[in-house]
Amino acid sequence: MRPPINDSATADFLQAARAGNLDALEKAYAAGAAVNRFDREGNTALVLAGARGSVPMLSFLFRHGAENHAENAQGNNALMAAILGGHTDAAVFCLKHDFNMHATNHDGRTAFALAAAADSPVLLDGMSSRGADVNARDAKGRTPLMIAAADGKMRALESLLTRDAVDPERKDDEGHTALMLACLGGHREAAVLLLKSGARVDVSDNRGRDMMFYAKQWGLEDEVKDAFARYDLPQVTE
């Protein structure tokens, strides 16, 4: 039987999680730490373990009553924290134990969107097979495809473009498509991939700037003209 909740043990518990020290975590738990108490940033030990990428710590906490839906002050749960920290193994553990992948953080991003930003096809595959919304919009109206395109994340972009449900024609709050965002970010390889995948070019943003405007920024005029010809679209006026 565990002793009563002990504030000192709880402080040690959170510090151990923050440091990634499993032995100290187990000792603090045995001394009466409150498993789901959070620190000043709203991080529970489970969220901290995700941020550290420690599968043994996540496993211990999960077995001992840690709430897997807990979120920190930024709205990130342990799954999101693991993705943000670049810890694929820890994120996979969270997925296998049904941590909430549908939650959105304060940037409006789901774990799936974070995986796109992290350029992780493994996590995109894992969440897609579990029913993730592949077109979920963040606070700027951007889908995971737009996020990957804007950052030039080629592995994520290639993975997303293989999914029938992904809509490459959606626009963010400023009227940008994934193709436009790739051009804005200077990611020529990403822009070419989107064009080859059939991204439409007969579109304009909220300020009336068409695809030829974006193409000229990075020398993509020929590729865009080819796309107009491929779809038998009227050529833009340059």
C-alpha atoms as a PDB file:
ATOM      1  CA  MET A   1       0.000   0.000   0.000  1.00  0.00           C
ATOM      2  CA  ARG A   2       1.323   3.435  -0.955  1.00  0.00           C
ATOM      3  CA  PRO A   3       1.779   6.166   1.660  1.00  0.00           C
ATOM      4  CA  PRO A   4      -0.420   9.326   1.603  1.00  0.00           C
ATOM      5  CA  ILE A   5       0.220  11.957  -1.064  1.00  0.00           C
ATOM      6  CA  ASN A   6       3.410  13.787  -0.242  1.00  0.00           C
ATOM      7  CA  ASP A   7       4.158  17.220  -1.755  1.00  0.00           C
ATOM      8  CA  SER A   8       7.910  16.780  -1.433  1.00  0.00           C
ATOM      9  CA  ALA A   9       7.753  13.402  -3.148  1.00  0.00           C
ATOM     10  CA  THR A  10       5.562  14.923  -5.873  1.00  0.00           C
ATOM     11  CA  ALA A  11       8.132  17.656  -6.517  1.00  0.00           C
ATOM     12  CA  ASP A  12      10.833  14.971  -6.767  1.00  0.00           C
ATOM     13  CA  PHE A  13       8.577  12.953  -9.054  1.00  0.00           C
ATOM     14  CA  LEU A  14       8.165  15.811 -11.511  1.00  0.00           C
ATOM     15  CA  GLN A  15      11.864  16.630 -11.393  1.00  0.00           C
ATOM     16  CA  ALA A  16      12.727  13.000 -12.089  1.00  0.00           C
ATOM     17  CA  ALA A  17      10.394  12.982 -15.089  1.00  0.00           C
ATOM     18  CA  ARG A  18      11.893  16.243 -16.322  1.00  0.00           C
ATOM     19  CA  ALA A  19      15.398  14.743 -16.023  1.00  0.00           C
ATOM     20  CA  GLY A  20      14.433  11.405 -17.543  1.00  0.00           C
ATOM     21  CA  ASN A  21      15.515   9.546 -14.398  1.00  0.00           C
ATOM     22  CA  LEU A  22      13.395   6.399 -14.085  1.00  0.00           C
ATOM     23  CA  ASP A  23      14.990   5.217 -10.827  1.00  0.00           C
ATOM     24  CA  ALA A  24      14.277   8.544  -9.118  1.00  0.00           C
ATOM     25  CA  LEU A  25      10.761   8.531 -10.558  1.00  0.00           C
ATOM     26  CA  GLU A  26      10.038   5.100  -9.086  1.00  0.00           C
ATOM     27  CA  LYS A  27      11.424   6.114  -5.680  1.00  0.00           C
ATOM     28  CA  ALA A  28       9.332   9.295  -5.602  1.00  0.00           C
ATOM     29  CA  TYR A  29       6.262   7.292  -6.560  1.00  0.00           C
ATOM     30  CA  ALA A  30       6.906   4.847  -3.715  1.00  0.00           C
ATOM     31  CA  ALA A  31       7.294   7.809  -1.334  1.00  0.00           C
ATOM     32  CA  GLY A  32       3.810   9.104  -2.119  1.00  0.00           C
ATOM     33  CA  ALA A  33       4.060  11.268  -5.220  1.00  0.00           C
ATOM     34  CA  ALA A  34       0.825  12.422  -6.851  1.00  0.00           C
ATOM     35  CA  VAL A  35       1.007  10.857 -10.312  1.00  0.00           C
ATOM     36  CA  ASN A  36      -1.122  13.446 -12.113  1.00  0.00           C
ATOM     37  CA  ARG A  37       0.074  16.637 -10.429  1.00  0.00           C
ATOM     38  CA  PHE A  38       1.439  19.235 -12.871  1.00  0.00           C
ATOM     39  CA  ASP A  39       4.196  21.845 -12.782  1.00  0.00           C
ATOM     40  CA  ARG A  40       4.011  25.599 -13.483  1.00  0.00           C
ATOM     41  CA  GLU A  41       3.900  24.949 -17.235  1.00  0.00           C
ATOM     42  CA  GLY A  42       1.060  22.480 -16.836  1.00  0.00           C
ATOM     43  CA  ASN A  43       3.265  19.468 -17.495  1.00  0.00           C
ATOM     44  CA  THR A  44       2.400  16.235 -15.736  1.00  0.00           C
ATOM     45  CA  ALA A  45       5.098  13.596 -15.375  1.00  0.00           C
ATOM     46  CA  LEU A  46       3.574  11.792 -18.356  1.00  0.00           C
ATOM     47  CA  VAL A  47       3.853  14.840 -20.612  1.00  0.00           C
ATOM     48  CA  LEU A  48       7.429  15.362 -19.425  1.00  0.00           C
ATOM     49  CA  ALA A  49       8.240  11.718 -20.140  1.00  0.00           C
ATOM     50  CA  GLY A  50       6.889  12.177 -23.661  1.00  0.00           C
ATOM     51  CA  ALA A  51       9.038  15.264 -24.138  1.00  0.00           C
ATOM     52  CA  ARG A  52      12.065  13.282 -22.946  1.00  0.00           C
ATOM     53  CA  GLY A  53      11.206  10.428 -25.287  1.00  0.00           C
ATOM     54  CA  SER A  54      11.510   7.851 -22.504  1.00  0.00           C
ATOM     55  CA  VAL A  55       9.473   4.761 -23.316  1.00  0.00           C
ATOM     56  CA  PRO A  56      10.355   3.081 -19.959  1.00  0.00           C
ATOM     57  CA  MET A  57       9.089   6.130 -18.082  1.00  0.00           C
ATOM     58  CA  LEU A  58       5.944   6.332 -20.199  1.00  0.00           C
ATOM     59  CA  SER A  59       5.320   2.642 -19.583  1.00  0.00           C
ATOM     60  CA  PHE A  60       5.799   2.985 -15.810  1.00  0.00           C
ATOM     61  CA  LEU A  61       3.519   6.005 -15.592  1.00  0.00           C
ATOM     62  CA  PHE A  62       0.865   4.456 -17.810  1.00  0.00           C
ATOM     63  CA  ARG A  63       0.798   1.362 -15.570  1.00  0.00           C
ATOM     64  CA  HIS A  64       0.487   3.488 -12.434  1.00  0.00           C
ATOM     65  CA  GLY A  65      -2.500   5.625 -13.256  1.00  0.00           C
ATOM     66  CA  ALA A  66      -1.154   8.536 -15.278  1.00  0.00           C
ATOM     67  CA  GLU A  67      -3.930  10.215 -17.244  1.00  0.00           C
ATOM     68  CA  ASN A  68      -3.071   9.997 -20.929  1.00  0.00           C
ATOM     69  CA  HIS A  69      -5.363  12.902 -21.855  1.00  0.00           C
ATOM     70  CA  ALA A  70      -3.458  15.413 -19.678  1.00  0.00           C
ATOM     71  CA  GLU A  71      -2.261  18.525 -21.544  1.00  0.00           C
ATOM     72  CA  ASN A  72       0.239  21.215 -20.633  1.00  0.00           C
ATOM     73  CA  ALA A  73      -0.198  24.990 -20.864  1.00  0.00           C
ATOM     74  CA  GLN A  74       0.419  24.867 -24.641  1.00  0.00           C
ATOM     75  CA  GLY A  75      -2.268  22.240 -25.063  1.00  0.00           C
ATOM     76  CA  ASN A  76       0.194  19.439 -25.857  1.00  0.00           C
ATOM     77  CA  ASN A  77      -0.348  15.976 -24.428  1.00  0.00           C
ATOM     78  CA  ALA A  78       2.351  13.313 -24.038  1.00  0.00           C
ATOM     79  CA  LEU A  79       1.944  12.123 -27.639  1.00  0.00           C
ATOM     80  CA  MET A  80       2.340  15.645 -28.967  1.00  0.00           C
ATOM     81  CA  ALA A  81       5.282  16.331 -26.657  1.00  0.00           C
ATOM     82  CA  ALA A  82       7.032  13.223 -27.963  1.00  0.00           C
ATOM     83  CA  ILE A  83       6.502  14.298 -31.586  1.00  0.00           C
ATOM     84  CA  LEU A  84       7.683  17.838 -30.882  1.00  0.00           C
ATOM     85  CA  GLY A  85      10.797  16.401 -29.251  1.00  0.00           C
ATOM     86  CA  GLY A  86      11.534  14.215 -32.272  1.00  0.00           C
ATOM     87  CA  HIS A  87      11.022  10.989 -30.312  1.00  0.00           C
ATOM     88  CA  THR A  88       9.371   8.583 -32.735  1.00  0.00           C
ATOM     89  CA  ASP A  89       9.599   5.500 -30.486  1.00  0.00           C
ATOM     90  CA  ALA A  90       7.897   7.335 -27.623  1.00  0.00           C
ATOM     91  CA  ALA A  91       5.192   8.643 -29.950  1.00  0.00           C
ATOM     92  CA  VAL A  92       4.588   5.130 -31.317  1.00  0.00           C
ATOM     93  CA  PHE A  93       4.229   3.870 -27.732  1.00  0.00           C
ATOM     94  CA  CYS A  94       1.610   6.551 -27.080  1.00  0.00           C
ATOM     95  CA  LEU A  95      -0.294   5.602 -30.219  1.00  0.00           C
ATOM     96  CA  LYS A  96      -0.311   1.921 -29.285  1.00  0.00           C
ATOM     97  CA  HIS A  97      -1.786   2.823 -25.890  1.00  0.00           C
ATOM     98  CA  ASP A  98      -4.545   4.987 -27.328  1.00  0.00           C
ATOM     99  CA  PHE A  99      -3.282   8.391 -26.249  1.00  0.00           C
ATOM    100  CA  ASN A 100      -5.553  11.059 -27.727  1.00  0.00           C
ATOM    101  CA  MET A 101      -4.359  11.832 -31.249  1.00  0.00           C
ATOM    102  CA  HIS A 102      -7.440  13.933 -32.020  1.00  0.00           C
ATOM    103  CA  ALA A 103      -6.689  16.660 -29.450  1.00  0.00           C
ATOM    104  CA  THR A 104      -5.602  20.071 -30.715  1.00  0.00           C
ATOM    105  CA  ASN A 105      -3.008  22.269 -29.055  1.00  0.00           C
ATOM    106  CA  HIS A 106      -3.141  26.053 -28.759  1.00  0.00           C
ATOM    107  CA  ASP A 107      -1.840  26.397 -32.324  1.00  0.00           C
ATOM    108  CA  GLY A 108      -4.810  24.341 -33.437  1.00  0.00           C
ATOM    109  CA  ARG A 109      -2.578  21.459 -34.471  1.00  0.00           C
ATOM    110  CA  THR A 110      -3.309  17.790 -33.971  1.00  0.00           C
ATOM    111  CA  ALA A 111      -0.669  15.121 -33.437  1.00  0.00           C
ATOM    112  CA  PHE A 112      -1.039  14.281 -37.143  1.00  0.00           C
ATOM    113  CA  ALA A 113      -0.217  17.869 -38.102  1.00  0.00           C
ATOM    114  CA  LEU A 114       2.780  17.817 -35.770  1.00  0.00           C
ATOM    115  CA  ALA A 115       3.967  14.596 -37.411  1.00  0.00           C
ATOM    116  CA  ALA A 116       3.780  16.327 -40.801  1.00  0.00           C
ATOM    117  CA  ALA A 117       5.893  19.189 -39.439  1.00  0.00           C
ATOM    118  CA  ALA A 118       8.306  16.629 -37.970  1.00  0.00           C
ATOM    119  CA  ASP A 119       8.663  14.939 -41.396  1.00  0.00           C
ATOM    120  CA  SER A 120       7.702  11.533 -39.967  1.00  0.00           C
ATOM    121  CA  PRO A 121       6.028   9.118 -42.408  1.00  0.00           C
ATOM    122  CA  VAL A 122       6.058   6.418 -39.715  1.00  0.00           C
ATOM    123  CA  LEU A 123       3.821   8.468 -37.453  1.00  0.00           C
ATOM    124  CA  LEU A 124       1.663   9.657 -40.344  1.00  0.00           C
ATOM    125  CA  ASP A 125       1.083   6.025 -41.312  1.00  0.00           C
ATOM    126  CA  GLY A 126       0.335   5.021 -37.728  1.00  0.00           C
ATOM    127  CA  MET A 127      -2.201   7.767 -37.157  1.00  0.00           C
ATOM    128  CA  SER A 128      -3.781   7.502 -40.590  1.00  0.00           C
ATOM    129  CA  SER A 129      -4.482   3.811 -39.966  1.00  0.00           C
ATOM    130  CA  ARG A 130      -6.151   4.809 -36.687  1.00  0.00           C
ATOM    131  CA  GLY A 131      -8.512   7.266 -38.323  1.00  0.00           C
ATOM    132  CA  ALA A 132      -6.703  10.586 -38.046  1.00  0.00           C
ATOM    133  CA  ASP A 133      -8.248  13.536 -39.868  1.00  0.00           C
ATOM    134  CA  VAL A 134      -5.689  14.048 -42.628  1.00  0.00           C
ATOM    135  CA  ASN A 135      -7.166  17.416 -43.616  1.00  0.00           C
ATOM    136  CA  ALA A 136      -7.587  18.935 -40.145  1.00  0.00           C
ATOM    137  CA  ARG A 137      -6.926  22.672 -40.147  1.00  0.00           C
ATOM    138  CA  ASP A 138      -4.758  24.469 -37.614  1.00  0.00           C
ATOM    139  CA  ALA A 139      -5.249  27.999 -36.247  1.00  0.00           C
ATOM    140  CA  LYS A 140      -4.042  29.456 -39.568  1.00  0.00           C
ATOM    141  CA  GLY A 141      -6.327  27.228 -41.588  1.00  0.00           C
ATOM    142  CA  ARG A 142      -3.446  25.027 -42.719  1.00  0.00           C
ATOM    143  CA  THR A 143      -3.782  21.303 -43.272  1.00  0.00           C
ATOM    144  CA  PRO A 144      -0.944  18.822 -42.632  1.00  0.00           C
ATOM    145  CA  LEU A 145      -0.173  18.879 -46.369  1.00  0.00           C
ATOM    146  CA  MET A 146       0.176  22.671 -46.279  1.00  0.00           C
ATOM    147  CA  ILE A 147       2.384  22.449 -43.197  1.00  0.00           C
ATOM    148  CA  ALA A 148       4.693  19.930 -44.863  1.00  0.00           C
ATOM    149  CA  ALA A 149       4.815  21.977 -48.073  1.00  0.00           C
ATOM    150  CA  ALA A 150       5.514  25.256 -46.271  1.00  0.00           C
ATOM    151  CA  ASP A 151       8.439  23.683 -44.413  1.00  0.00           C
ATOM    152  CA  GLY A 152       9.754  21.638 -47.348  1.00  0.00           C
ATOM    153  CA  LYS A 153       9.308  18.352 -45.468  1.00  0.00           C
ATOM    154  CA  MET A 154       9.703  16.021 -48.414  1.00  0.00           C
ATOM    155  CA  ARG A 155       9.197  12.657 -46.692  1.00  0.00           C
ATOM    156  CA  ALA A 156       5.967  13.844 -45.097  1.00  0.00           C
ATOM    157  CA  LEU A 157       4.845  15.451 -48.342  1.00  0.00           C
ATOM    158  CA  GLU A 158       5.456  12.276 -50.326  1.00  0.00           C
ATOM    159  CA  SER A 159       3.614  10.219 -47.702  1.00  0.00           C
ATOM    160  CA  LEU A 160       0.631  12.561 -47.558  1.00  0.00           C
ATOM    161  CA  LEU A 161       0.266  12.717 -51.331  1.00  0.00           C
ATOM    162  CA  THR A 162      -0.241   8.931 -51.470  1.00  0.00           C
ATOM    163  CA  ARG A 163      -3.438   9.229 -49.380  1.00  0.00           C
ATOM    164  CA  ASP A 164      -6.651   9.514 -51.384  1.00  0.00           C
ATOM    165  CA  ALA A 165      -8.348  11.521 -48.611  1.00  0.00           C
ATOM    166  CA  VAL A 166      -5.740  14.294 -48.698  1.00  0.00           C
ATOM    167  CA  ASP A 167      -7.061  17.385 -50.466  1.00  0.00           C
ATOM    168  CA  PRO A 168      -4.251  19.359 -52.141  1.00  0.00           C
ATOM    169  CA  GLU A 169      -6.606  22.126 -53.260  1.00  0.00           C
ATOM    170  CA  ARG A 170      -7.653  23.425 -49.850  1.00  0.00           C
ATOM    171  CA  LYS A 171      -6.608  26.953 -48.933  1.00  0.00           C
ATOM    172  CA  ASP A 172      -5.471  28.458 -45.652  1.00  0.00           C
ATOM    173  CA  ASP A 173      -6.914  31.619 -44.127  1.00  0.00           C
ATOM    174  CA  GLU A 174      -4.881  33.766 -46.535  1.00  0.00           C
ATOM    175  CA  GLY A 175      -5.974  31.784 -49.585  1.00  0.00           C
ATOM    176  CA  HIS A 176      -2.724  29.855 -49.993  1.00  0.00           C
ATOM    177  CA  THR A 177      -2.695  26.313 -51.328  1.00  0.00           C
ATOM    178  CA  ALA A 178       0.024  23.828 -50.413  1.00  0.00           C
ATOM    179  CA  LEU A 179       1.697  24.611 -53.752  1.00  0.00           C
ATOM    180  CA  MET A 180       1.721  28.334 -53.046  1.00  0.00           C
ATOM    181  CA  LEU A 181       3.166  27.740 -49.582  1.00  0.00           C
ATOM    182  CA  ALA A 182       5.952  25.580 -51.011  1.00  0.00           C
ATOM    183  CA  CYS A 183       6.829  28.429 -53.363  1.00  0.00           C
ATOM    184  CA  LEU A 184       6.617  31.016 -50.584  1.00  0.00           C
ATOM    185  CA  GLY A 185       9.049  28.980 -48.497  1.00  0.00           C
ATOM    186  CA  GLY A 186      11.495  28.625 -51.366  1.00  0.00           C
ATOM    187  CA  HIS A 187      11.084  24.839 -51.437  1.00  0.00           C
ATOM    188  CA  ARG A 188      11.418  24.195 -55.145  1.00  0.00           C
ATOM    189  CA  GLU A 189      11.586  20.397 -54.811  1.00  0.00           C
ATOM    190  CA  ALA A 190       8.349  20.388 -52.832  1.00  0.00           C
ATOM    191  CA  ALA A 191       6.663  22.660 -55.389  1.00  0.00           C
ATOM    192  CA  VAL A 192       7.736  20.431 -58.279  1.00  0.00           C
ATOM    193  CA  LEU A 193       6.442  17.336 -56.443  1.00  0.00           C
ATOM    194  CA  LEU A 194       3.073  18.985 -55.895  1.00  0.00           C
ATOM    195  CA  LEU A 195       2.897  20.039 -59.536  1.00  0.00           C
ATOM    196  CA  LYS A 196       3.761  16.514 -60.695  1.00  0.00           C
ATOM    197  CA  SER A 197       1.097  15.165 -58.332  1.00  0.00           C
ATOM    198  CA  GLY A 198      -1.532  17.257 -60.083  1.00  0.00           C
ATOM    199  CA  ALA A 199      -1.847  20.318 -57.872  1.00  0.00           C
ATOM    200  CA  ARG A 200      -3.995  22.800 -59.740  1.00  0.00           C
ATOM    201  CA  VAL A 201      -2.527  26.077 -60.873  1.00  0.00           C
ATOM    202  CA  ASP A 202      -5.668  27.987 -61.869  1.00  0.00           C
ATOM    203  CA  VAL A 203      -6.006  29.492 -58.404  1.00  0.00           C
ATOM    204  CA  SER A 204      -5.374  32.820 -56.694  1.00  0.00           C
ATOM    205  CA  ASP A 205      -4.865  33.791 -53.059  1.00  0.00           C
ATOM    206  CA  ASN A 206      -6.967  36.292 -51.108  1.00  0.00           C
ATOM    207  CA  ARG A 207      -4.915  39.162 -52.540  1.00  0.00           C
ATOM    208  CA  GLY A 208      -5.503  38.047 -56.117  1.00  0.00           C
ATOM    209  CA  ARG A 209      -1.972  36.712 -56.685  1.00  0.00           C
ATOM    210  CA  ASP A 210      -2.068  33.749 -59.043  1.00  0.00           C
ATOM    211  CA  MET A 211       0.265  30.800 -59.390  1.00  0.00           C
ATOM    212  CA  MET A 212       2.432  32.507 -61.983  1.00  0.00           C
ATOM    213  CA  PHE A 213       3.226  35.176 -59.404  1.00  0.00           C
ATOM    214  CA  TYR A 214       4.470  32.456 -57.053  1.00  0.00           C
ATOM    215  CA  ALA A 215       6.210  30.528 -59.821  1.00  0.00           C
ATOM    216  CA  LYS A 216       8.322  33.529 -60.770  1.00  0.00           C
ATOM    217  CA  GLN A 217       9.758  33.738 -57.277  1.00  0.00           C
ATOM    218  CA  TRP A 218      11.646  30.471 -57.745  1.00  0.00           C
ATOM    219  CA  GLY A 219      11.961  29.944 -61.475  1.00  0.00           C
ATOM    220  CA  LEU A 220       8.988  27.591 -61.816  1.00  0.00           C
ATOM    221  CA  GLU A 221       7.338  29.340 -64.756  1.00  0.00           C
ATOM    222  CA  ASP A 222       7.900  26.438 -67.161  1.00  0.00           C
ATOM    223  CA  GLU A 223       6.530  23.858 -64.740  1.00  0.00           C
ATOM    224  CA  VAL A 224       3.417  25.930 -64.084  1.00  0.00           C
ATOM    225  CA  LYS A 225       2.858  26.533 -67.807  1.00  0.00           C
ATOM    226  CA  ASP A 226       3.155  22.776 -68.367  1.00  0.00           C
ATOM    227  CA  ALA A 227       0.523  22.222 -65.694  1.00  0.00           C
ATOM    228  CA  PHE A 228      -1.861  24.642 -67.431  1.00  0.00           C
ATOM    229  CA  ALA A 229      -1.349  22.760 -70.674  1.00  0.00           C
ATOM    230  CA  ARG A 230      -1.824  19.389 -68.966  1.00  0.00           C
ATOM    231  CA  TYR A 231      -5.219  20.378 -67.611  1.00  0.00           C
ATOM    232  CA  ASP A 232      -6.197  22.270 -70.783  1.00  0.00           C
ATOM    233  CA  LEU A 233      -6.702  25.410 -68.724  1.00  0.00           C
ATOM    234  CA  PRO A 234      -6.622  28.943 -70.066  1.00  0.00           C
ATOM    235  CA  GLN A 235      -3.141  30.405 -69.596  1.00  0.00           C
ATOM    236  CA  VAL A 236      -2.791  33.146 -67.029  1.00  0.00           C
ATOM    237  CA  THR A 237      -1.954  36.628 -68.166  1.00  0.00           C
ATOM    238  CA  GLU A 238       1.603  37.429 -67.201  1.00  0.00           C
END
